[in-house]
Amino acid sequence: MKVSLHRASGATFLAKGDSNHWVVLDSMKQFGGSEAASKPMELVLMALGGCSALDIESLINKMRTPADEFQVEITAERQDEHPKVFTKILLTFIFKGTNLNRANIEKAVKLSQEKYCSVSAMLSKSVDISYEIKYIGAEK
């Protein structure tokens, strides 16, 4: 796997990986950025959420467990001193719909977090990652 970054202006960079899609990264104005894109640590959380969400979506579809809506919210804490690494991450998986199959959803989330999500596996070696599941609507 290979990724390249190119400075666009100041502390604004364009990054592209093997998938050949561009992502913009930026910083706060006080560090030379223009505050026009996500910061790197935000992208780490987005990668974690995206990895988990894609796993779960695939698994619940294979289990024929539809959800009208599915979203992931992530909150994280960082240490105060440099390097300001994450110390805690909480993923909240929210499912909305009728006839939600709680057992299948919980199985899919657990499989993602414990087996399939490589971002979660990598980060969990250095930060406490926990998750919760919320249901909106009728379930079985």
N, C-alpha and C. Protein backbone atom coordinates (compact mmCIF):
# COMPACT_ATOMS: atom_id res chain seq x y z
N MET A 1 0.85 -1.17 0.00
CA MET A 1 0.00 0.00 0.00
C MET A 1 0.89 1.23 0.00
N LYS A 2 0.48 2.23 -0.74
CA LYS A 2 1.28 3.44 -0.85
C LYS A 2 0.34 4.66 -0.84
N VAL A 3 0.77 5.71 -0.15
CA VAL A 3 0.04 6.98 -0.09
C VAL A 3 1.04 8.09 -0.36
N SER A 4 0.61 9.11 -1.10
CA SER A 4 1.48 10.28 -1.29
C SER A 4 0.71 11.53 -0.91
N LEU A 5 1.44 12.50 -0.37
CA LEU A 5 0.87 13.78 0.02
C LEU A 5 1.58 14.89 -0.73
N HIS A 6 0.82 15.88 -1.18
CA HIS A 6 1.36 17.02 -1.91
C HIS A 6 0.84 18.29 -1.26
N ARG A 7 1.75 19.20 -0.94
CA ARG A 7 1.32 20.46 -0.34
C ARG A 7 0.61 21.29 -1.39
N ALA A 8 -0.60 21.73 -1.04
CA ALA A 8 -1.37 22.59 -1.94
C ALA A 8 -1.06 24.05 -1.65
N SER A 9 -1.06 24.39 -0.34
CA SER A 9 -0.81 25.77 0.07
C SER A 9 -0.63 25.79 1.58
N GLY A 10 0.42 26.43 2.07
CA GLY A 10 0.63 26.49 3.51
C GLY A 10 0.65 25.10 4.11
N ALA A 11 -0.26 24.85 5.08
CA ALA A 11 -0.34 23.54 5.72
C ALA A 11 -1.53 22.74 5.20
N THR A 12 -1.95 23.03 3.99
CA THR A 12 -3.03 22.27 3.35
C THR A 12 -2.40 21.28 2.39
N PHE A 13 -2.73 20.00 2.57
CA PHE A 13 -2.15 18.95 1.75
C PHE A 13 -3.23 18.14 1.04
N LEU A 14 -2.87 17.61 -0.11
CA LEU A 14 -3.71 16.67 -0.83
C LEU A 14 -3.04 15.31 -0.72
N ALA A 15 -3.82 14.31 -0.36
CA ALA A 15 -3.28 12.95 -0.22
C ALA A 15 -4.02 12.02 -1.16
N LYS A 16 -3.29 11.05 -1.69
CA LYS A 16 -3.89 10.06 -2.58
C LYS A 16 -3.22 8.73 -2.34
N GLY A 17 -4.05 7.70 -2.24
CA GLY A 17 -3.53 6.35 -2.03
C GLY A 17 -3.74 5.48 -3.25
N ASP A 18 -3.57 4.19 -3.06
CA ASP A 18 -3.71 3.23 -4.14
C ASP A 18 -5.08 3.26 -4.82
N SER A 19 -6.11 3.70 -4.07
CA SER A 19 -7.45 3.77 -4.67
C SER A 19 -7.58 4.92 -5.66
N ASN A 20 -6.58 5.79 -5.71
CA ASN A 20 -6.52 6.90 -6.65
C ASN A 20 -7.58 7.98 -6.39
N HIS A 21 -7.95 8.16 -5.12
CA HIS A 21 -8.90 9.20 -4.74
C HIS A 21 -8.18 10.22 -3.85
N TRP A 22 -8.46 11.48 -4.09
CA TRP A 22 -7.82 12.56 -3.33
C TRP A 22 -8.58 12.84 -2.04
N VAL A 23 -7.82 13.13 -0.98
CA VAL A 23 -8.36 13.56 0.31
C VAL A 23 -7.59 14.83 0.68
N VAL A 24 -8.31 15.82 1.19
CA VAL A 24 -7.67 17.07 1.62
C VAL A 24 -7.46 17.03 3.13
N LEU A 25 -6.27 17.43 3.56
CA LEU A 25 -5.95 17.55 4.98
C LEU A 25 -5.55 18.99 5.25
N ASP A 26 -5.90 19.47 6.41
CA ASP A 26 -5.56 20.86 6.72
C ASP A 26 -5.29 20.99 8.21
N SER A 27 -4.87 22.17 8.60
CA SER A 27 -4.56 22.46 9.98
C SER A 27 -5.20 23.78 10.38
N MET A 28 -5.05 24.12 11.65
CA MET A 28 -5.57 25.40 12.13
C MET A 28 -4.72 26.55 11.58
N LYS A 29 -5.32 27.71 11.51
CA LYS A 29 -4.62 28.88 10.96
C LYS A 29 -3.35 29.19 11.73
N GLN A 30 -3.36 28.99 13.05
CA GLN A 30 -2.18 29.29 13.86
C GLN A 30 -0.99 28.42 13.50
N PHE A 31 -1.23 27.32 12.79
CA PHE A 31 -0.14 26.43 12.36
C PHE A 31 0.07 26.48 10.85
N GLY A 32 -0.46 27.51 10.19
CA GLY A 32 -0.24 27.70 8.77
C GLY A 32 -1.32 27.11 7.87
N GLY A 33 -2.35 26.56 8.47
CA GLY A 33 -3.44 25.99 7.68
C GLY A 33 -4.50 27.03 7.36
N SER A 34 -5.51 26.59 6.65
CA SER A 34 -6.62 27.49 6.34
C SER A 34 -7.93 26.97 6.92
N GLU A 35 -7.86 25.90 7.73
CA GLU A 35 -9.03 25.32 8.37
C GLU A 35 -10.11 24.96 7.35
N ALA A 36 -9.67 24.42 6.21
CA ALA A 36 -10.59 24.12 5.11
C ALA A 36 -10.82 22.63 4.91
N ALA A 37 -10.24 21.80 5.78
CA ALA A 37 -10.41 20.36 5.62
C ALA A 37 -10.20 19.69 6.97
N SER A 38 -10.38 18.39 7.00
CA SER A 38 -10.20 17.63 8.23
C SER A 38 -8.74 17.58 8.65
N LYS A 39 -8.54 17.53 9.97
CA LYS A 39 -7.21 17.37 10.52
C LYS A 39 -6.86 15.88 10.56
N PRO A 40 -5.58 15.54 10.60
CA PRO A 40 -5.18 14.13 10.57
C PRO A 40 -5.82 13.27 11.65
N MET A 41 -5.92 13.76 12.88
CA MET A 41 -6.49 12.93 13.95
C MET A 41 -8.00 12.71 13.74
N GLU A 42 -8.67 13.68 13.11
CA GLU A 42 -10.07 13.46 12.74
C GLU A 42 -10.18 12.35 11.70
N LEU A 43 -9.23 12.34 10.77
CA LEU A 43 -9.23 11.31 9.74
C LEU A 43 -8.97 9.92 10.33
N VAL A 44 -8.19 9.85 11.39
CA VAL A 44 -7.98 8.56 12.06
C VAL A 44 -9.31 8.04 12.60
N LEU A 45 -10.08 8.92 13.24
CA LEU A 45 -11.39 8.50 13.76
C LEU A 45 -12.35 8.17 12.62
N MET A 46 -12.29 8.92 11.54
CA MET A 46 -13.13 8.62 10.38
C MET A 46 -12.77 7.26 9.79
N ALA A 47 -11.47 6.95 9.76
CA ALA A 47 -11.04 5.65 9.25
C ALA A 47 -11.55 4.53 10.14
N LEU A 48 -11.49 4.72 11.45
CA LEU A 48 -12.02 3.72 12.39
C LEU A 48 -13.52 3.54 12.18
N GLY A 49 -14.25 4.64 12.13
CA GLY A 49 -15.70 4.56 11.92
C GLY A 49 -16.05 3.97 10.58
N GLY A 50 -15.32 4.34 9.55
CA GLY A 50 -15.59 3.82 8.21
C GLY A 50 -15.31 2.34 8.11
N CYS A 51 -14.21 1.90 8.68
CA CYS A 51 -13.85 0.48 8.67
C CYS A 51 -14.94 -0.33 9.37
N SER A 52 -15.33 0.13 10.54
CA SER A 52 -16.37 -0.57 11.32
C SER A 52 -17.70 -0.55 10.59
N ALA A 53 -18.10 0.60 10.09
CA ALA A 53 -19.40 0.73 9.42
C ALA A 53 -19.49 -0.16 8.18
N LEU A 54 -18.43 -0.20 7.39
CA LEU A 54 -18.44 -1.03 6.19
C LEU A 54 -18.52 -2.51 6.54
N ASP A 55 -17.78 -2.93 7.58
CA ASP A 55 -17.89 -4.31 8.04
C ASP A 55 -19.31 -4.64 8.47
N ILE A 56 -19.85 -3.80 9.32
CA ILE A 56 -21.17 -4.05 9.90
C ILE A 56 -22.24 -4.05 8.82
N GLU A 57 -22.18 -3.10 7.92
CA GLU A 57 -23.17 -3.03 6.83
C GLU A 57 -23.13 -4.32 6.01
N SER A 58 -21.95 -4.78 5.69
CA SER A 58 -21.81 -6.02 4.93
C SER A 58 -22.38 -7.20 5.71
N LEU A 59 -22.04 -7.28 6.99
CA LEU A 59 -22.50 -8.40 7.81
C LEU A 59 -24.01 -8.41 8.00
N ILE A 60 -24.61 -7.25 8.30
CA ILE A 60 -26.06 -7.26 8.52
C ILE A 60 -26.81 -7.53 7.21
N ASN A 61 -26.23 -7.15 6.09
CA ASN A 61 -26.86 -7.50 4.81
C ASN A 61 -26.79 -9.00 4.56
N LYS A 62 -25.64 -9.61 4.86
CA LYS A 62 -25.52 -11.05 4.71
C LYS A 62 -26.47 -11.80 5.65
N MET A 63 -26.73 -11.21 6.82
CA MET A 63 -27.63 -11.82 7.80
C MET A 63 -29.10 -11.49 7.51
N ARG A 64 -29.32 -10.74 6.45
CA ARG A 64 -30.67 -10.28 6.10
C ARG A 64 -31.34 -9.57 7.28
N THR A 65 -30.57 -8.64 7.82
CA THR A 65 -30.99 -7.85 8.98
C THR A 65 -31.03 -6.39 8.57
N PRO A 66 -32.10 -5.98 7.90
CA PRO A 66 -32.14 -4.60 7.41
C PRO A 66 -32.30 -3.57 8.53
N ALA A 67 -31.72 -2.43 8.30
CA ALA A 67 -31.91 -1.27 9.17
C ALA A 67 -32.26 -0.10 8.25
N ASP A 68 -33.31 0.63 8.58
CA ASP A 68 -33.68 1.77 7.74
C ASP A 68 -32.59 2.83 7.73
N GLU A 69 -31.97 3.02 8.89
CA GLU A 69 -30.87 3.97 9.01
C GLU A 69 -29.80 3.36 9.89
N PHE A 70 -28.55 3.68 9.58
CA PHE A 70 -27.42 3.19 10.36
C PHE A 70 -26.39 4.29 10.38
N GLN A 71 -25.94 4.66 11.57
CA GLN A 71 -24.90 5.67 11.66
C GLN A 71 -23.95 5.33 12.80
N VAL A 72 -22.78 5.91 12.73
CA VAL A 72 -21.76 5.71 13.74
C VAL A 72 -21.34 7.09 14.24
N GLU A 73 -21.35 7.25 15.55
CA GLU A 73 -20.84 8.48 16.17
C GLU A 73 -19.65 8.08 17.03
N ILE A 74 -18.60 8.89 16.95
CA ILE A 74 -17.37 8.56 17.67
C ILE A 74 -16.96 9.75 18.53
N THR A 75 -16.64 9.46 19.78
CA THR A 75 -16.06 10.48 20.66
C THR A 75 -14.72 9.95 21.14
N ALA A 76 -13.78 10.85 21.30
CA ALA A 76 -12.45 10.42 21.70
C ALA A 76 -11.84 11.44 22.66
N GLU A 77 -11.00 10.92 23.52
CA GLU A 77 -10.23 11.77 24.43
C GLU A 77 -8.76 11.65 24.04
N ARG A 78 -8.04 12.76 24.22
CA ARG A 78 -6.61 12.78 23.90
C ARG A 78 -5.83 13.24 25.11
N GLN A 79 -4.57 12.81 25.20
CA GLN A 79 -3.76 13.29 26.31
C GLN A 79 -3.40 14.76 26.05
N ASP A 80 -3.15 15.48 27.13
CA ASP A 80 -2.92 16.92 27.05
C ASP A 80 -1.56 17.28 26.47
N GLU A 81 -0.55 16.45 26.75
CA GLU A 81 0.79 16.79 26.29
C GLU A 81 1.12 16.07 24.99
N HIS A 82 2.14 16.57 24.32
CA HIS A 82 2.56 15.99 23.04
C HIS A 82 3.30 14.69 23.26
N PRO A 83 3.16 13.72 22.43
CA PRO A 83 2.19 13.69 21.33
C PRO A 83 0.78 13.48 21.88
N LYS A 84 -0.16 14.21 21.36
CA LYS A 84 -1.53 14.21 21.88
C LYS A 84 -2.31 13.02 21.31
N VAL A 85 -1.88 11.84 21.74
CA VAL A 85 -2.50 10.60 21.25
C VAL A 85 -3.87 10.40 21.89
N PHE A 86 -4.67 9.56 21.25
CA PHE A 86 -5.96 9.21 21.83
C PHE A 86 -5.73 8.33 23.06
N THR A 87 -6.52 8.57 24.10
CA THR A 87 -6.46 7.74 25.30
C THR A 87 -7.73 6.90 25.45
N LYS A 88 -8.83 7.36 24.91
CA LYS A 88 -10.10 6.63 24.93
C LYS A 88 -10.89 6.95 23.67
N ILE A 89 -11.51 5.92 23.12
CA ILE A 89 -12.39 6.11 21.97
C ILE A 89 -13.68 5.33 22.24
N LEU A 90 -14.80 5.99 22.02
CA LEU A 90 -16.10 5.34 22.15
C LEU A 90 -16.82 5.42 20.81
N LEU A 91 -17.18 4.25 20.29
CA LEU A 91 -17.98 4.18 19.06
C LEU A 91 -19.42 3.91 19.47
N THR A 92 -20.33 4.70 18.95
CA THR A 92 -21.75 4.48 19.19
C THR A 92 -22.39 4.13 17.86
N PHE A 93 -22.91 2.91 17.78
CA PHE A 93 -23.57 2.42 16.57
C PHE A 93 -25.06 2.60 16.77
N ILE A 94 -25.70 3.34 15.86
CA ILE A 94 -27.12 3.66 15.99
C ILE A 94 -27.87 3.06 14.82
N PHE A 95 -28.86 2.24 15.15
CA PHE A 95 -29.68 1.57 14.15
C PHE A 95 -31.12 2.01 14.32
N LYS A 96 -31.75 2.36 13.21
CA LYS A 96 -33.14 2.80 13.23
C LYS A 96 -33.93 1.95 12.24
N GLY A 97 -35.12 1.54 12.66
CA GLY A 97 -35.97 0.78 11.75
C GLY A 97 -37.02 -0.02 12.49
N THR A 98 -37.81 -0.71 11.72
CA THR A 98 -38.81 -1.61 12.28
C THR A 98 -38.27 -3.03 12.15
N ASN A 99 -38.62 -3.88 13.07
CA ASN A 99 -38.17 -5.26 13.08
C ASN A 99 -36.65 -5.39 13.11
N LEU A 100 -35.99 -4.55 13.89
CA LEU A 100 -34.55 -4.66 14.03
C LEU A 100 -34.22 -5.94 14.78
N ASN A 101 -33.32 -6.72 14.24
CA ASN A 101 -32.92 -7.97 14.86
C ASN A 101 -31.70 -7.69 15.74
N ARG A 102 -31.97 -7.48 17.01
CA ARG A 102 -30.94 -7.07 17.96
C ARG A 102 -29.80 -8.10 18.03
N ALA A 103 -30.12 -9.37 18.04
CA ALA A 103 -29.09 -10.41 18.14
C ALA A 103 -28.14 -10.38 16.94
N ASN A 104 -28.68 -10.25 15.75
CA ASN A 104 -27.83 -10.19 14.55
C ASN A 104 -26.98 -8.92 14.52
N ILE A 105 -27.58 -7.81 14.91
CA ILE A 105 -26.84 -6.55 14.92
C ILE A 105 -25.69 -6.63 15.92
N GLU A 106 -25.97 -7.14 17.11
CA GLU A 106 -24.92 -7.26 18.12
C GLU A 106 -23.81 -8.20 17.65
N LYS A 107 -24.17 -9.27 16.97
CA LYS A 107 -23.18 -10.21 16.44
C LYS A 107 -22.31 -9.52 15.38
N ALA A 108 -22.94 -8.75 14.50
CA ALA A 108 -22.20 -8.04 13.44
C ALA A 108 -21.24 -7.02 14.03
N VAL A 109 -21.69 -6.26 15.01
CA VAL A 109 -20.83 -5.26 15.65
C VAL A 109 -19.65 -5.94 16.33
N LYS A 110 -19.93 -7.01 17.06
CA LYS A 110 -18.86 -7.73 17.77
C LYS A 110 -17.84 -8.30 16.79
N LEU A 111 -18.32 -8.91 15.70
CA LEU A 111 -17.41 -9.45 14.69
C LEU A 111 -16.54 -8.35 14.08
N SER A 112 -17.14 -7.21 13.81
CA SER A 112 -16.36 -6.10 13.26
C SER A 112 -15.26 -5.69 14.23
N GLN A 113 -15.62 -5.50 15.48
CA GLN A 113 -14.67 -4.99 16.46
C GLN A 113 -13.62 -6.01 16.88
N GLU A 114 -13.98 -7.28 16.90
CA GLU A 114 -13.06 -8.29 17.40
C GLU A 114 -12.34 -9.10 16.32
N LYS A 115 -12.84 -9.03 15.08
CA LYS A 115 -12.24 -9.88 14.05
C LYS A 115 -11.87 -9.14 12.76
N TYR A 116 -12.80 -8.35 12.22
CA TYR A 116 -12.62 -7.85 10.86
C TYR A 116 -12.01 -6.46 10.71
N CYS A 117 -12.32 -5.53 11.58
CA CYS A 117 -11.87 -4.14 11.37
C CYS A 117 -10.39 -3.99 11.70
N SER A 118 -9.59 -3.87 10.67
CA SER A 118 -8.14 -3.77 10.86
C SER A 118 -7.74 -2.45 11.52
N VAL A 119 -8.50 -1.40 11.29
CA VAL A 119 -8.18 -0.12 11.94
C VAL A 119 -8.40 -0.24 13.45
N SER A 120 -9.50 -0.87 13.84
CA SER A 120 -9.77 -1.08 15.26
C SER A 120 -8.71 -1.98 15.89
N ALA A 121 -8.33 -3.03 15.19
CA ALA A 121 -7.30 -3.95 15.71
C ALA A 121 -5.98 -3.22 15.92
N MET A 122 -5.62 -2.34 15.00
CA MET A 122 -4.36 -1.62 15.11
C MET A 122 -4.42 -0.60 16.25
N LEU A 123 -5.48 0.20 16.30
CA LEU A 123 -5.58 1.23 17.32
C LEU A 123 -5.73 0.65 18.73
N SER A 124 -6.42 -0.49 18.85
CA SER A 124 -6.67 -1.07 20.17
C SER A 124 -5.39 -1.51 20.87
N LYS A 125 -4.29 -1.59 20.15
CA LYS A 125 -3.01 -1.93 20.77
C LYS A 125 -2.46 -0.78 21.60
N SER A 126 -2.99 0.45 21.36
CA SER A 126 -2.45 1.60 22.08
C SER A 126 -3.51 2.49 22.73
N VAL A 127 -4.79 2.21 22.49
CA VAL A 127 -5.84 3.06 23.07
C VAL A 127 -7.02 2.18 23.45
N ASP A 128 -7.71 2.58 24.50
CA ASP A 128 -8.90 1.87 24.96
C ASP A 128 -10.06 2.21 24.04
N ILE A 129 -10.56 1.21 23.31
CA ILE A 129 -11.70 1.40 22.41
C ILE A 129 -12.89 0.64 22.97
N SER A 130 -14.00 1.32 23.12
CA SER A 130 -15.23 0.68 23.56
C SER A 130 -16.34 1.05 22.60
N TYR A 131 -17.45 0.33 22.71
CA TYR A 131 -18.57 0.63 21.83
C TYR A 131 -19.88 0.39 22.55
N GLU A 132 -20.90 1.01 22.01
CA GLU A 132 -22.27 0.81 22.48
C GLU A 132 -23.17 0.79 21.26
N ILE A 133 -24.33 0.15 21.43
CA ILE A 133 -25.29 0.06 20.35
C ILE A 133 -26.59 0.68 20.83
N LYS A 134 -27.15 1.55 20.00
CA LYS A 134 -28.45 2.16 20.30
C LYS A 134 -29.43 1.77 19.21
N TYR A 135 -30.65 1.51 19.65
CA TYR A 135 -31.71 1.12 18.73
C TYR A 135 -32.83 2.15 18.79
N ILE A 136 -33.31 2.53 17.62
CA ILE A 136 -34.46 3.44 17.54
C ILE A 136 -35.51 2.72 16.70
N GLY A 137 -36.65 2.42 17.31
CA GLY A 137 -37.69 1.72 16.59
C GLY A 137 -37.95 0.36 17.20
N ALA A 138 -38.86 -0.36 16.57
CA ALA A 138 -39.24 -1.68 17.06
C ALA A 138 -38.14 -2.69 16.76
N GLU A 139 -37.97 -3.63 17.66
CA GLU A 139 -36.97 -4.66 17.45
C GLU A 139 -37.54 -6.02 17.83
N LYS A 140 -36.85 -7.03 17.38
CA LYS A 140 -37.29 -8.38 17.73
C LYS A 140 -36.17 -9.15 18.37
